[in-house]
């Protein structure tokens, strides 16, 4: 199967289409990701919510969810526990890890082989 889209949010359409076709044909490799999210306290939300990489990535606490903004897209950042998260669980599902200094303060965010320092 080949699927293409022309737009900033094209992957959302492509992934949904590919998953629908996979269900119709019984293909198991493209099933949606099932995530067991953990609950975070308000303090934990506030520790992660920040600007990283001089504003390249911005994490915000949006009610009872975290959102991550990167290159004009804003998606949910779902907590998995142990400072691990997944961004955009309905689309491309990128693993995100928070790294802390010895005192326990959040110092950086890592995803896709890149580490971005927290801006102070």
PDB file of N, CA and C in Angstrom:
ATOM      1  N   UNK A   1       0.849  -1.169   0.000  1.00  0.00           N
ATOM      2  CA  UNK A   1       0.000   0.000   0.000  1.00  0.00           C
ATOM      3  C   UNK A   1       0.893   1.230   0.000  1.00  0.00           C
ATOM      4  N   UNK A   2       0.483   2.225  -0.736  1.00  0.00           N
ATOM      5  CA  UNK A   2       1.169   3.504  -0.765  1.00  0.00           C
ATOM      6  C   UNK A   2       0.144   4.566  -0.398  1.00  0.00           C
ATOM      7  N   UNK A   3       0.519   5.450   0.530  1.00  0.00           N
ATOM      8  CA  UNK A   3      -0.372   6.540   0.918  1.00  0.00           C
ATOM      9  C   UNK A   3       0.458   7.812   1.011  1.00  0.00           C
ATOM     10  N   UNK A   4      -0.016   8.875   0.389  1.00  0.00           N
ATOM     11  CA  UNK A   4       0.676  10.154   0.426  1.00  0.00           C
ATOM     12  C   UNK A   4      -0.326  11.253   0.765  1.00  0.00           C
ATOM     13  N   UNK A   5       0.184  12.292   1.404  1.00  0.00           N
ATOM     14  CA  UNK A   5      -0.653  13.444   1.730  1.00  0.00           C
ATOM     15  C   UNK A   5       0.188  14.702   1.549  1.00  0.00           C
ATOM     16  N   UNK A   6      -0.445  15.777   1.210  1.00  0.00           N
ATOM     17  CA  UNK A   6       0.239  17.031   0.985  1.00  0.00           C
ATOM     18  C   UNK A   6      -0.252  18.040   2.019  1.00  0.00           C
ATOM     19  N   UNK A   7       0.506  18.188   3.103  1.00  0.00           N
ATOM     20  CA  UNK A   7       0.126  19.141   4.135  1.00  0.00           C
ATOM     21  C   UNK A   7       0.919  18.918   5.400  1.00  0.00           C
ATOM     22  N   UNK A   8       0.892  19.899   6.285  1.00  0.00           N
ATOM     23  CA  UNK A   8       1.646  19.821   7.531  1.00  0.00           C
ATOM     24  C   UNK A   8       1.185  18.675   8.422  1.00  0.00           C
ATOM     25  N   UNK A   9      -0.100  18.371   8.422  1.00  0.00           N
ATOM     26  CA  UNK A   9      -0.639  17.304   9.254  1.00  0.00           C
ATOM     27  C   UNK A   9      -0.981  16.074   8.429  1.00  0.00           C
ATOM     28  N   UNK A  10      -0.294  15.878   7.321  1.00  0.00           N
ATOM     29  CA  UNK A  10      -0.573  14.767   6.422  1.00  0.00           C
ATOM     30  C   UNK A  10      -0.406  13.407   7.068  1.00  0.00           C
ATOM     31  N   UNK A  11       0.542  13.280   7.989  1.00  0.00           N
ATOM     32  CA  UNK A  11       0.762  11.978   8.621  1.00  0.00           C
ATOM     33  C   UNK A  11      -0.441  11.516   9.432  1.00  0.00           C
ATOM     34  N   UNK A  12      -1.193  12.445  10.003  1.00  0.00           N
ATOM     35  CA  UNK A  12      -2.389  12.067  10.747  1.00  0.00           C
ATOM     36  C   UNK A  12      -3.365  11.361   9.815  1.00  0.00           C
ATOM     37  N   UNK A  13      -3.535  11.899   8.622  1.00  0.00           N
ATOM     38  CA  UNK A  13      -4.436  11.302   7.632  1.00  0.00           C
ATOM     39  C   UNK A  13      -3.877   9.977   7.135  1.00  0.00           C
ATOM     40  N   UNK A  14      -2.591   9.952   6.806  1.00  0.00           N
ATOM     41  CA  UNK A  14      -1.958   8.751   6.250  1.00  0.00           C
ATOM     42  C   UNK A  14      -1.993   7.604   7.256  1.00  0.00           C
ATOM     43  N   UNK A  15      -1.645   7.869   8.507  1.00  0.00           N
ATOM     44  CA  UNK A  15      -1.625   6.807   9.514  1.00  0.00           C
ATOM     45  C   UNK A  15      -3.029   6.247   9.718  1.00  0.00           C
ATOM     46  N   UNK A  16      -4.018   7.116   9.824  1.00  0.00           N
ATOM     47  CA  UNK A  16      -5.405   6.654   9.981  1.00  0.00           C
ATOM     48  C   UNK A  16      -5.863   5.812   8.801  1.00  0.00           C
ATOM     49  N   UNK A  17      -5.523   6.243   7.602  1.00  0.00           N
ATOM     50  CA  UNK A  17      -5.875   5.498   6.393  1.00  0.00           C
ATOM     51  C   UNK A  17      -5.186   4.140   6.368  1.00  0.00           C
ATOM     52  N   UNK A  18      -3.902   4.116   6.680  1.00  0.00           N
ATOM     53  CA  UNK A  18      -3.154   2.857   6.679  1.00  0.00           C
ATOM     54  C   UNK A  18      -3.705   1.889   7.718  1.00  0.00           C
ATOM     55  N   UNK A  19      -4.078   2.387   8.891  1.00  0.00           N
ATOM     56  CA  UNK A  19      -4.644   1.521   9.919  1.00  0.00           C
ATOM     57  C   UNK A  19      -6.004   0.970   9.489  1.00  0.00           C
ATOM     58  N   UNK A  20      -6.818   1.777   8.811  1.00  0.00           N
ATOM     59  CA  UNK A  20      -8.119   1.313   8.332  1.00  0.00           C
ATOM     60  C   UNK A  20      -7.956   0.219   7.280  1.00  0.00           C
ATOM     61  N   UNK A  21      -7.034   0.400   6.364  1.00  0.00           N
ATOM     62  CA  UNK A  21      -6.783  -0.611   5.333  1.00  0.00           C
ATOM     63  C   UNK A  21      -6.239  -1.887   5.981  1.00  0.00           C
ATOM     64  N   UNK A  22      -5.336  -1.741   6.947  1.00  0.00           N
ATOM     65  CA  UNK A  22      -4.772  -2.900   7.642  1.00  0.00           C
ATOM     66  C   UNK A  22      -5.861  -3.695   8.360  1.00  0.00           C
ATOM     67  N   UNK A  23      -6.801  -2.998   8.999  1.00  0.00           N
ATOM     68  CA  UNK A  23      -7.924  -3.697   9.659  1.00  0.00           C
ATOM     69  C   UNK A  23      -8.758  -4.451   8.642  1.00  0.00           C
ATOM     70  N   UNK A  24      -9.035  -3.809   7.510  1.00  0.00           N
ATOM     71  CA  UNK A  24      -9.876  -4.429   6.477  1.00  0.00           C
ATOM     72  C   UNK A  24      -9.234  -5.690   5.901  1.00  0.00           C
ATOM     73  N   UNK A  25      -7.907  -5.703   5.784  1.00  0.00           N
ATOM     74  CA  UNK A  25      -7.214  -6.853   5.206  1.00  0.00           C
ATOM     75  C   UNK A  25      -6.626  -7.799   6.257  1.00  0.00           C
ATOM     76  N   UNK A  26      -6.806  -7.465   7.546  1.00  0.00           N
ATOM     77  CA  UNK A  26      -6.298  -8.324   8.610  1.00  0.00           C
ATOM     78  C   UNK A  26      -4.798  -8.259   8.805  1.00  0.00           C
ATOM     79  N   UNK A  27      -4.162  -7.169   8.384  1.00  0.00           N
ATOM     80  CA  UNK A  27      -2.722  -7.004   8.574  1.00  0.00           C
ATOM     81  C   UNK A  27      -2.459  -6.598  10.020  1.00  0.00           C
ATOM     82  N   UNK A  28      -1.638  -7.331  10.723  1.00  0.00           N
ATOM     83  CA  UNK A  28      -1.398  -7.079  12.144  1.00  0.00           C
ATOM     84  C   UNK A  28      -0.301  -6.040  12.408  1.00  0.00           C
ATOM     85  N   UNK A  29       0.580  -5.799  11.468  1.00  0.00           N
ATOM     86  CA  UNK A  29       1.732  -4.928  11.720  1.00  0.00           C
ATOM     87  C   UNK A  29       1.383  -3.446  11.834  1.00  0.00           C
ATOM     88  N   UNK A  30       0.199  -3.048  11.409  1.00  0.00           N
ATOM     89  CA  UNK A  30      -0.172  -1.627  11.441  1.00  0.00           C
ATOM     90  C   UNK A  30      -1.281  -1.326  12.446  1.00  0.00           C
ATOM     91  N   UNK A  31      -1.437  -2.190  13.434  1.00  0.00           N
ATOM     92  CA  UNK A  31      -2.470  -1.957  14.435  1.00  0.00           C
ATOM     93  C   UNK A  31      -2.143  -0.707  15.248  1.00  0.00           C
ATOM     94  N   UNK A  32      -3.166  -0.004  15.717  1.00  0.00           N
ATOM     95  CA  UNK A  32      -2.919   1.190  16.535  1.00  0.00           C
ATOM     96  C   UNK A  32      -2.164   0.827  17.820  1.00  0.00           C
ATOM     97  N   UNK A  33      -1.353   1.729  18.275  1.00  0.00           N
ATOM     98  CA  UNK A  33      -0.600   1.554  19.504  1.00  0.00           C
ATOM     99  C   UNK A  33      -1.539   1.711  20.701  1.00  0.00           C
ATOM    100  N   UNK A  34      -1.509   0.749  21.618  1.00  0.00           N
ATOM    101  CA  UNK A  34      -2.307   0.827  22.844  1.00  0.00           C
ATOM    102  C   UNK A  34      -1.364   1.225  23.969  1.00  0.00           C
ATOM    103  N   UNK A  35      -1.701   2.303  24.644  1.00  0.00           N
ATOM    104  CA  UNK A  35      -0.817   2.870  25.663  1.00  0.00           C
ATOM    105  C   UNK A  35      -1.488   2.804  27.028  1.00  0.00           C
ATOM    106  N   UNK A  36      -0.741   2.332  28.019  1.00  0.00           N
ATOM    107  CA  UNK A  36      -1.199   2.358  29.405  1.00  0.00           C
ATOM    108  C   UNK A  36      -0.594   3.593  30.056  1.00  0.00           C
ATOM    109  N   UNK A  37      -1.309   4.703  29.960  1.00  0.00           N
ATOM    110  CA  UNK A  37      -0.814   5.963  30.514  1.00  0.00           C
ATOM    111  C   UNK A  37      -0.869   5.923  32.037  1.00  0.00           C
ATOM    112  N   UNK A  38       0.065   6.619  32.663  1.00  0.00           N
ATOM    113  CA  UNK A  38       0.063   6.754  34.117  1.00  0.00           C
ATOM    114  C   UNK A  38      -0.400   8.168  34.476  1.00  0.00           C
ATOM    115  N   UNK A  39      -0.859   8.328  35.693  1.00  0.00           N
ATOM    116  CA  UNK A  39      -1.287   9.646  36.162  1.00  0.00           C
ATOM    117  C   UNK A  39      -0.087  10.406  36.719  1.00  0.00           C
ATOM    118  N   UNK A  40      -0.078  11.699  36.481  1.00  0.00           N
ATOM    119  CA  UNK A  40       0.953  12.559  37.040  1.00  0.00           C
ATOM    120  C   UNK A  40       0.319  13.559  37.992  1.00  0.00           C
ATOM    121  N   UNK A  41       1.059  13.944  39.013  1.00  0.00           N
ATOM    122  CA  UNK A  41       0.593  14.983  39.928  1.00  0.00           C
ATOM    123  C   UNK A  41       0.796  16.344  39.265  1.00  0.00           C
ATOM    124  N   UNK A  42       0.186  17.362  39.807  1.00  0.00           N
ATOM    125  CA  UNK A  42       0.360  18.718  39.292  1.00  0.00           C
ATOM    126  C   UNK A  42       1.841  19.112  39.360  1.00  0.00           C
ATOM    127  N   UNK A  43       2.548  18.718  40.417  1.00  0.00           N
ATOM    128  CA  UNK A  43       3.969  19.020  40.549  1.00  0.00           C
ATOM    129  C   UNK A  43       4.766  18.366  39.410  1.00  0.00           C
ATOM    130  N   UNK A  44       4.445  17.117  39.092  1.00  0.00           N
ATOM    131  CA  UNK A  44       5.145  16.428  38.003  1.00  0.00           C
ATOM    132  C   UNK A  44       4.866  17.109  36.660  1.00  0.00           C
ATOM    133  N   UNK A  45       3.627  17.544  36.441  1.00  0.00           N
ATOM    134  CA  UNK A  45       3.293  18.287  35.211  1.00  0.00           C
ATOM    135  C   UNK A  45       4.148  19.543  35.126  1.00  0.00           C
ATOM    136  N   UNK A  46       4.193  20.285  36.229  1.00  0.00           N
ATOM    137  CA  UNK A  46       4.920  21.551  36.251  1.00  0.00           C
ATOM    138  C   UNK A  46       6.427  21.361  36.088  1.00  0.00           C
ATOM    139  N   UNK A  47       6.962  20.216  36.544  1.00  0.00           N
ATOM    140  CA  UNK A  47       8.392  19.950  36.386  1.00  0.00           C
ATOM    141  C   UNK A  47       8.764  19.756  34.920  1.00  0.00           C
ATOM    142  N   UNK A  48       7.885  19.129  34.136  1.00  0.00           N
ATOM    143  CA  UNK A  48       8.167  18.819  32.733  1.00  0.00           C
ATOM    144  C   UNK A  48       7.815  19.991  31.820  1.00  0.00           C
ATOM    145  N   UNK A  49       6.769  20.745  32.169  1.00  0.00           N
ATOM    146  CA  UNK A  49       6.323  21.863  31.334  1.00  0.00           C
ATOM    147  C   UNK A  49       7.394  22.947  31.296  1.00  0.00           C
ATOM    148  N   UNK A  50       7.950  23.172  30.109  1.00  0.00           N
ATOM    149  CA  UNK A  50       9.023  24.156  29.954  1.00  0.00           C
ATOM    150  C   UNK A  50       9.352  24.303  28.478  1.00  0.00           C
ATOM    151  N   UNK A  51      10.286  25.194  28.217  1.00  0.00           N
ATOM    152  CA  UNK A  51      10.840  25.380  26.878  1.00  0.00           C
ATOM    153  C   UNK A  51      12.169  24.626  26.822  1.00  0.00           C
ATOM    154  N   UNK A  52      12.405  23.940  25.718  1.00  0.00           N
ATOM    155  CA  UNK A  52      13.623  23.153  25.545  1.00  0.00           C
ATOM    156  C   UNK A  52      14.303  23.544  24.238  1.00  0.00           C
ATOM    157  N   UNK A  53      15.634  23.504  24.236  1.00  0.00           N
ATOM    158  CA  UNK A  53      16.373  23.807  23.010  1.00  0.00           C
ATOM    159  C   UNK A  53      16.145  25.210  22.509  1.00  0.00           C
ATOM    160  N   UNK A  54      16.151  26.185  23.433  1.00  0.00           N
ATOM    161  CA  UNK A  54      15.941  27.602  23.095  1.00  0.00           C
ATOM    162  C   UNK A  54      14.625  27.816  22.348  1.00  0.00           C
ATOM    163  N   UNK A  55      13.579  27.136  22.803  1.00  0.00           N
ATOM    164  CA  UNK A  55      12.251  27.328  22.226  1.00  0.00           C
ATOM    165  C   UNK A  55      11.926  26.410  21.064  1.00  0.00           C
ATOM    166  N   UNK A  56      12.845  25.497  20.716  1.00  0.00           N
ATOM    167  CA  UNK A  56      12.576  24.574  19.616  1.00  0.00           C
ATOM    168  C   UNK A  56      11.402  23.656  19.958  1.00  0.00           C
ATOM    169  N   UNK A  57      11.328  23.248  21.224  1.00  0.00           N
ATOM    170  CA  UNK A  57      10.241  22.403  21.729  1.00  0.00           C
ATOM    171  C   UNK A  57       9.679  23.069  22.972  1.00  0.00           C
ATOM    172  N   UNK A  58       8.358  23.145  23.046  1.00  0.00           N
ATOM    173  CA  UNK A  58       7.710  23.719  24.222  1.00  0.00           C
ATOM    174  C   UNK A  58       6.683  22.721  24.744  1.00  0.00           C
ATOM    175  N   UNK A  59       6.826  22.367  26.020  1.00  0.00           N
ATOM    176  CA  UNK A  59       5.886  21.464  26.678  1.00  0.00           C
ATOM    177  C   UNK A  59       5.025  22.307  27.605  1.00  0.00           C
ATOM    178  N   UNK A  60       3.710  22.168  27.493  1.00  0.00           N
ATOM    179  CA  UNK A  60       2.777  22.915  28.337  1.00  0.00           C
ATOM    180  C   UNK A  60       1.853  21.951  29.071  1.00  0.00           C
ATOM    181  N   UNK A  61       1.437  22.368  30.266  1.00  0.00           N
ATOM    182  CA  UNK A  61       0.432  21.633  31.020  1.00  0.00           C
ATOM    183  C   UNK A  61      -0.911  22.229  30.629  1.00  0.00           C
ATOM    184  N   UNK A  62      -1.714  21.433  29.951  1.00  0.00           N
ATOM    185  CA  UNK A  62      -2.998  21.866  29.404  1.00  0.00           C
ATOM    186  C   UNK A  62      -4.114  21.141  30.149  1.00  0.00           C
ATOM    187  N   UNK A  63      -4.576  21.717  31.258  1.00  0.00           N
ATOM    188  CA  UNK A  63      -5.573  21.026  32.077  1.00  0.00           C
ATOM    189  C   UNK A  63      -4.960  19.791  32.705  1.00  0.00           C
ATOM    190  N   UNK A  64      -5.492  18.617  32.380  1.00  0.00           N
ATOM    191  CA  UNK A  64      -4.956  17.373  32.935  1.00  0.00           C
ATOM    192  C   UNK A  64      -4.110  16.612  31.912  1.00  0.00           C
ATOM    193  N   UNK A  65      -3.557  17.314  30.926  1.00  0.00           N
ATOM    194  CA  UNK A  65      -2.715  16.695  29.899  1.00  0.00           C
ATOM    195  C   UNK A  65      -1.496  17.569  29.637  1.00  0.00           C
ATOM    196  N   UNK A  66      -0.454  16.922  29.166  1.00  0.00           N
ATOM    197  CA  UNK A  66       0.723  17.645  28.696  1.00  0.00           C
ATOM    198  C   UNK A  66       0.649  17.721  27.185  1.00  0.00           C
ATOM    199  N   UNK A  67       1.073  18.837  26.625  1.00  0.00           N
ATOM    200  CA  UNK A  67       1.117  18.998  25.172  1.00  0.00           C
ATOM    201  C   UNK A  67       2.534  19.413  24.796  1.00  0.00           C
ATOM    202  N   UNK A  68       2.996  18.917  23.667  1.00  0.00           N
ATOM    203  CA  UNK A  68       4.324  19.261  23.184  1.00  0.00           C
ATOM    204  C   UNK A  68       4.170  19.940  21.826  1.00  0.00           C
ATOM    205  N   UNK A  69       4.796  21.097  21.684  1.00  0.00           N
ATOM    206  CA  UNK A  69       4.748  21.864  20.434  1.00  0.00           C
ATOM    207  C   UNK A  69       6.127  21.815  19.794  1.00  0.00           C
ATOM    208  N   UNK A  70       6.146  21.444  18.505  1.00  0.00           N
ATOM    209  CA  UNK A  70       7.390  21.323  17.764  1.00  0.00           C
ATOM    210  C   UNK A  70       7.111  21.600  16.299  1.00  0.00           C
ATOM    211  N   UNK A  71       7.816  22.539  15.725  1.00  0.00           N
ATOM    212  CA  UNK A  71       7.694  22.906  14.313  1.00  0.00           C
ATOM    213  C   UNK A  71       6.236  23.141  13.893  1.00  0.00           C
ATOM    214  N   UNK A  72       5.511  23.864  14.704  1.00  0.00           N
ATOM    215  CA  UNK A  72       4.145  24.236  14.362  1.00  0.00           C
ATOM    216  C   UNK A  72       3.091  23.209  14.707  1.00  0.00           C
ATOM    217  N   UNK A  73       3.470  22.003  15.096  1.00  0.00           N
ATOM    218  CA  UNK A  73       2.500  20.978  15.495  1.00  0.00           C
ATOM    219  C   UNK A  73       2.432  20.912  17.012  1.00  0.00           C
ATOM    220  N   UNK A  74       1.239  20.672  17.531  1.00  0.00           N
ATOM    221  CA  UNK A  74       1.053  20.532  18.969  1.00  0.00           C
ATOM    222  C   UNK A  74       0.280  19.243  19.207  1.00  0.00           C
ATOM    223  N   UNK A  75       0.911  18.287  19.920  1.00  0.00           N
ATOM    224  CA  UNK A  75       0.301  16.988  20.166  1.00  0.00           C
ATOM    225  C   UNK A  75       0.381  16.645  21.646  1.00  0.00           C
ATOM    226  N   UNK A  76      -0.390  15.655  22.040  1.00  0.00           N
ATOM    227  CA  UNK A  76      -0.388  15.233  23.435  1.00  0.00           C
ATOM    228  C   UNK A  76       0.901  14.483  23.761  1.00  0.00           C
ATOM    229  N   UNK A  77       1.395  14.686  24.967  1.00  0.00           N
ATOM    230  CA  UNK A  77       2.564  13.994  25.495  1.00  0.00           C
ATOM    231  C   UNK A  77       2.049  13.089  26.614  1.00  0.00           C
ATOM    232  N   UNK A  78       1.946  11.794  26.330  1.00  0.00           N
ATOM    233  CA  UNK A  78       1.319  10.846  27.244  1.00  0.00           C
ATOM    234  C   UNK A  78       2.375  10.221  28.157  1.00  0.00           C
ATOM    235  N   UNK A  79       2.187  10.322  29.494  1.00  0.00           N
ATOM    236  CA  UNK A  79       3.168   9.764  30.430  1.00  0.00           C
ATOM    237  C   UNK A  79       3.061   8.239  30.532  1.00  0.00           C
ATOM    238  N   UNK A  80       4.224   7.576  30.462  1.00  0.00           N
ATOM    239  CA  UNK A  80       4.288   6.122  30.584  1.00  0.00           C
ATOM    240  C   UNK A  80       4.866   5.687  31.920  1.00  0.00           C
ATOM    241  N   UNK A  81       5.425   6.638  32.674  1.00  0.00           N
ATOM    242  CA  UNK A  81       6.065   6.337  33.947  1.00  0.00           C
ATOM    243  C   UNK A  81       7.572   6.350  33.796  1.00  0.00           C
ATOM    244  N   UNK A  82       8.266   6.577  34.885  1.00  0.00           N
ATOM    245  CA  UNK A  82       9.722   6.580  34.871  1.00  0.00           C
ATOM    246  C   UNK A  82      10.330   7.625  33.959  1.00  0.00           C
ATOM    247  N   UNK A  83       9.714   8.791  33.879  1.00  0.00           N
ATOM    248  CA  UNK A  83      10.183   9.890  33.024  1.00  0.00           C
ATOM    249  C   UNK A  83      10.170   9.531  31.542  1.00  0.00           C
ATOM    250  N   UNK A  84       9.343   8.569  31.158  1.00  0.00           N
ATOM    251  CA  UNK A  84       9.169   8.205  29.750  1.00  0.00           C
ATOM    252  C   UNK A  84       7.787   8.645  29.295  1.00  0.00           C
ATOM    253  N   UNK A  85       7.721   9.112  28.058  1.00  0.00           N
ATOM    254  CA  UNK A  85       6.483   9.607  27.477  1.00  0.00           C
ATOM    255  C   UNK A  85       6.394   9.130  26.032  1.00  0.00           C
ATOM    256  N   UNK A  86       5.213   9.274  25.455  1.00  0.00           N
ATOM    257  CA  UNK A  86       5.049   9.069  24.020  1.00  0.00           C
ATOM    258  C   UNK A  86       4.296  10.285  23.493  1.00  0.00           C
ATOM    259  N   UNK A  87       4.801  10.849  22.406  1.00  0.00           N
ATOM    260  CA  UNK A  87       4.177  12.007  21.774  1.00  0.00           C
ATOM    261  C   UNK A  87       3.364  11.537  20.585  1.00  0.00           C
ATOM    262  N   UNK A  88       2.171  12.105  20.431  1.00  0.00           N
ATOM    263  CA  UNK A  88       1.303  11.806  19.294  1.00  0.00           C
ATOM    264  C   UNK A  88       0.965  10.325  19.209  1.00  0.00           C
ATOM    265  N   UNK A  89       0.322   9.789  20.250  1.00  0.00           N
ATOM    266  CA  UNK A  89       0.037   8.356  20.252  1.00  0.00           C
ATOM    267  C   UNK A  89      -0.884   7.899  19.124  1.00  0.00           C
ATOM    268  N   UNK A  90      -1.628   8.782  18.521  1.00  0.00           N
ATOM    269  CA  UNK A  90      -2.502   8.392  17.424  1.00  0.00           C
ATOM    270  C   UNK A  90      -1.830   8.440  16.073  1.00  0.00           C
ATOM    271  N   UNK A  91      -0.659   9.025  16.005  1.00  0.00           N
ATOM    272  CA  UNK A  91       0.027   9.194  14.722  1.00  0.00           C
ATOM    273  C   UNK A  91       1.331   8.448  14.671  1.00  0.00           C
ATOM    274  N   UNK A  92       2.419   9.192  14.621  1.00  0.00           N
ATOM    275  CA  UNK A  92       3.726   8.564  14.427  1.00  0.00           C
ATOM    276  C   UNK A  92       4.345   8.038  15.720  1.00  0.00           C
ATOM    277  N   UNK A  93       3.794   8.339  16.868  1.00  0.00           N
ATOM    278  CA  UNK A  93       4.212   7.805  18.166  1.00  0.00           C
ATOM    279  C   UNK A  93       5.716   7.876  18.407  1.00  0.00           C
ATOM    280  N   UNK A  94       6.170   9.028  18.835  1.00  0.00           N
ATOM    281  CA  UNK A  94       7.588   9.261  19.112  1.00  0.00           C
ATOM    282  C   UNK A  94       7.844   9.079  20.608  1.00  0.00           C
ATOM    283  N   UNK A  95       8.860   8.278  20.945  1.00  0.00           N
ATOM    284  CA  UNK A  95       9.249   8.096  22.347  1.00  0.00           C
ATOM    285  C   UNK A  95      10.014   9.324  22.819  1.00  0.00           C
ATOM    286  N   UNK A  96       9.674   9.791  24.019  1.00  0.00           N
ATOM    287  CA  UNK A  96      10.300  10.973  24.601  1.00  0.00           C
ATOM    288  C   UNK A  96      10.748  10.611  26.014  1.00  0.00           C
ATOM    289  N   UNK A  97      11.956  11.014  26.380  1.00  0.00           N
ATOM    290  CA  UNK A  97      12.474  10.757  27.721  1.00  0.00           C
ATOM    291  C   UNK A  97      12.920  12.056  28.358  1.00  0.00           C
ATOM    292  N   UNK A  98      12.532  12.236  29.604  1.00  0.00           N
ATOM    293  CA  UNK A  98      12.966  13.381  30.399  1.00  0.00           C
ATOM    294  C   UNK A  98      14.207  12.951  31.170  1.00  0.00           C
ATOM    295  N   UNK A  99      15.221  13.783  31.170  1.00  0.00           N
ATOM    296  CA  UNK A  99      16.438  13.497  31.915  1.00  0.00           C
ATOM    297  C   UNK A  99      16.573  14.507  33.044  1.00  0.00           C
ATOM    298  N   UNK A 100      17.028  14.022  34.197  1.00  0.00           N
ATOM    299  CA  UNK A 100      17.126  14.864  35.391  1.00  0.00           C
ATOM    300  C   UNK A 100      18.573  14.980  35.853  1.00  0.00           C
ATOM    301  N   UNK A 101      18.845  16.076  36.577  1.00  0.00           N
ATOM    302  CA  UNK A 101      20.157  16.243  37.182  1.00  0.00           C
ATOM    303  C   UNK A 101      20.180  15.474  38.509  1.00  0.00           C
ATOM    304  N   UNK A 102      21.344  15.397  39.181  1.00  0.00           N
ATOM    305  CA  UNK A 102      21.420  14.634  40.439  1.00  0.00           C
ATOM    306  C   UNK A 102      20.450  15.111  41.519  1.00  0.00           C
ATOM    307  N   UNK A 103      20.045  16.378  41.478  1.00  0.00           N
ATOM    308  CA  UNK A 103      19.109  16.904  42.468  1.00  0.00           C
ATOM    309  C   UNK A 103      17.654  16.556  42.130  1.00  0.00           C
ATOM    310  N   UNK A 104      17.412  15.975  40.939  1.00  0.00           N
ATOM    311  CA  UNK A 104      16.057  15.587  40.561  1.00  0.00           C
ATOM    312  C   UNK A 104      15.336  16.595  39.693  1.00  0.00           C
ATOM    313  N   UNK A 105      15.973  17.711  39.363  1.00  0.00           N
ATOM    314  CA  UNK A 105      15.350  18.718  38.497  1.00  0.00           C
ATOM    315  C   UNK A 105      15.465  18.292  37.039  1.00  0.00           C
ATOM    316  N   UNK A 106      14.423  18.576  36.261  1.00  0.00           N
ATOM    317  CA  UNK A 106      14.447  18.244  34.839  1.00  0.00           C
ATOM    318  C   UNK A 106      15.498  19.103  34.155  1.00  0.00           C
ATOM    319  N   UNK A 107      16.423  18.450  33.426  1.00  0.00           N
ATOM    320  CA  UNK A 107      17.483  19.184  32.747  1.00  0.00           C
ATOM    321  C   UNK A 107      17.369  19.135  31.229  1.00  0.00           C
ATOM    322  N   UNK A 108      16.735  18.070  30.685  1.00  0.00           N
ATOM    323  CA  UNK A 108      16.632  17.968  29.231  1.00  0.00           C
ATOM    324  C   UNK A 108      15.536  16.998  28.814  1.00  0.00           C
ATOM    325  N   UNK A 109      15.274  17.012  27.527  1.00  0.00           N
ATOM    326  CA  UNK A 109      14.260  16.178  26.886  1.00  0.00           C
ATOM    327  C   UNK A 109      14.943  15.490  25.707  1.00  0.00           C
ATOM    328  N   UNK A 110      14.751  14.174  25.569  1.00  0.00           N
ATOM    329  CA  UNK A 110      15.377  13.430  24.477  1.00  0.00           C
ATOM    330  C   UNK A 110      14.315  12.743  23.632  1.00  0.00           C
ATOM    331  N   UNK A 111      14.470  12.849  22.311  1.00  0.00           N
ATOM    332  CA  UNK A 111      13.579  12.179  21.363  1.00  0.00           C
ATOM    333  C   UNK A 111      14.274  12.102  20.020  1.00  0.00           C
ATOM    334  N   UNK A 112      14.024  11.027  19.306  1.00  0.00           N
ATOM    335  CA  UNK A 112      14.562  10.854  17.952  1.00  0.00           C
ATOM    336  C   UNK A 112      16.074  11.038  17.896  1.00  0.00           C
ATOM    337  N   UNK A 113      16.772  10.564  18.934  1.00  0.00           N
ATOM    338  CA  UNK A 113      18.217  10.646  18.957  1.00  0.00           C
ATOM    339  C   UNK A 113      18.787  12.027  19.258  1.00  0.00           C
ATOM    340  N   UNK A 114      17.927  12.946  19.662  1.00  0.00           N
ATOM    341  CA  UNK A 114      18.359  14.315  19.977  1.00  0.00           C
ATOM    342  C   UNK A 114      18.026  14.658  21.409  1.00  0.00           C
ATOM    343  N   UNK A 115      18.915  15.394  22.065  1.00  0.00           N
ATOM    344  CA  UNK A 115      18.680  15.854  23.426  1.00  0.00           C
ATOM    345  C   UNK A 115      18.655  17.372  23.432  1.00  0.00           C
ATOM    346  N   UNK A 116      17.598  17.934  23.977  1.00  0.00           N
ATOM    347  CA  UNK A 116      17.441  19.384  24.068  1.00  0.00           C
ATOM    348  C   UNK A 116      17.440  19.802  25.526  1.00  0.00           C
ATOM    349  N   UNK A 117      18.299  20.744  25.888  1.00  0.00           N
ATOM    350  CA  UNK A 117      18.385  21.244  27.255  1.00  0.00           C
ATOM    351  C   UNK A 117      17.191  22.115  27.582  1.00  0.00           C
ATOM    352  N   UNK A 118      16.800  22.045  28.854  1.00  0.00           N
ATOM    353  CA  UNK A 118      15.716  22.894  29.351  1.00  0.00           C
ATOM    354  C   UNK A 118      16.217  24.320  29.471  1.00  0.00           C
ATOM    355  N   UNK A 119      15.410  25.265  29.010  1.00  0.00           N
ATOM    356  CA  UNK A 119      15.762  26.680  29.120  1.00  0.00           C
ATOM    357  C   UNK A 119      15.389  27.170  30.509  1.00  0.00           C
ATOM    358  N   UNK A 120      16.262  27.934  31.080  1.00  0.00           N
ATOM    359  CA  UNK A 120      16.002  28.464  32.435  1.00  0.00           C
ATOM    360  C   UNK A 120      15.458  29.863  32.361  1.00  0.00           C
TER     361      UNK A 120
END
